[in-house]
Amino acid sequence: MQRIAPRITVDEKVRFGRPVIEGTRVPVDLVIGKLAGGMSIEEICEEYELTREDVLAALGYAANILAEEQVRALG
């Protein structure tokens, strides 16, 4: 297991190495997708047994990944 961000880990034996919330098998992309789909932080916490801090860590991780992404417009 390797911590790649606060509360976010990867382990090739857990979810095929996808980033998950530390101590769980809940993938970061699932949390972000649920938020995008309209679930509240509280609903996600209840359904997946996460804390508010876990959900915010997933958002923070996603924001950092997007901030590092380079997109070039093709013209």
Protein backbone atom coordinates (compact mmCIF):
# COMPACT_ATOMS: atom_id res chain seq x y z
CA MET A 1 0.00 0.00 0.00
CA GLN A 2 1.24 3.46 -0.87
CA ARG A 3 -0.24 6.76 0.30
CA ILE A 4 -0.40 9.12 -2.69
CA ALA A 5 -2.30 11.95 -0.98
CA PRO A 6 -3.80 12.59 2.44
CA ARG A 7 -6.32 9.76 3.08
CA ILE A 8 -5.81 8.36 -0.45
CA THR A 9 -3.89 5.14 -1.11
CA VAL A 10 -3.12 2.72 -3.91
CA ASP A 11 -2.39 -0.98 -3.61
CA GLU A 12 -2.19 -3.33 -6.58
CA LYS A 13 -4.14 -5.89 -4.52
CA VAL A 14 -7.03 -3.49 -3.83
CA ARG A 15 -9.30 -2.45 -6.69
CA PHE A 16 -6.58 -3.22 -9.24
CA GLY A 17 -4.39 -0.39 -7.95
CA ARG A 18 -6.97 2.36 -8.35
CA PRO A 19 -6.83 5.21 -5.80
CA VAL A 20 -9.11 4.45 -2.84
CA ILE A 21 -10.01 6.08 0.45
CA GLU A 22 -7.43 4.92 2.99
CA GLY A 23 -8.56 1.91 5.00
CA THR A 24 -11.42 1.11 2.61
CA ARG A 25 -12.03 -0.35 -0.82
CA VAL A 26 -13.99 2.72 -1.91
CA PRO A 27 -12.48 4.19 -5.09
CA VAL A 28 -11.95 7.95 -5.33
CA ASP A 29 -13.68 8.07 -8.73
CA LEU A 30 -16.80 6.47 -7.23
CA VAL A 31 -16.99 9.19 -4.56
CA ILE A 32 -16.51 11.95 -7.15
CA GLY A 33 -19.08 10.35 -9.42
CA LYS A 34 -21.65 10.15 -6.63
CA LEU A 35 -21.12 13.84 -5.84
CA ALA A 36 -21.47 14.70 -9.53
CA GLY A 37 -24.66 12.65 -9.63
CA GLY A 38 -26.21 14.75 -6.89
CA MET A 39 -25.58 12.78 -3.71
CA SER A 40 -24.74 14.88 -0.70
CA ILE A 41 -21.58 14.39 1.32
CA GLU A 42 -23.72 13.10 4.18
CA GLU A 43 -25.44 10.53 1.94
CA ILE A 44 -22.10 9.27 0.63
CA CYS A 45 -20.72 9.03 4.16
CA GLU A 46 -23.72 7.01 5.27
CA GLU A 47 -23.81 4.69 2.26
CA TYR A 48 -20.08 3.94 2.14
CA GLU A 49 -19.17 4.35 5.83
CA LEU A 50 -16.85 7.28 5.14
CA THR A 51 -16.20 10.49 7.04
CA ARG A 52 -16.70 13.99 5.71
CA GLU A 53 -12.91 14.32 5.71
CA ASP A 54 -12.64 11.21 3.49
CA VAL A 55 -14.99 12.73 0.92
CA LEU A 56 -13.18 16.07 1.01
CA ALA A 57 -9.87 14.24 0.58
CA ALA A 58 -11.26 12.58 -2.55
CA LEU A 59 -12.27 15.99 -3.90
CA GLY A 60 -8.88 17.43 -3.07
CA TYR A 61 -7.10 14.56 -4.79
CA ALA A 62 -9.24 14.96 -7.90
CA ALA A 63 -8.64 18.71 -7.95
CA ASN A 64 -4.88 18.19 -7.74
CA ILE A 65 -4.93 15.68 -10.59
CA LEU A 66 -6.91 18.09 -12.76
CA ALA A 67 -4.62 20.98 -11.85
CA GLU A 68 -1.64 18.99 -13.14
CA GLU A 69 -3.36 17.93 -16.36
CA GLN A 70 -2.31 19.74 -19.49
CA VAL A 71 -4.92 20.16 -22.17
CA ARG A 72 -4.10 21.67 -25.53
CA ALA A 73 -6.73 23.06 -27.84
CA LEU A 74 -6.50 21.73 -31.35
CA GLY A 75 -7.26 24.29 -33.94
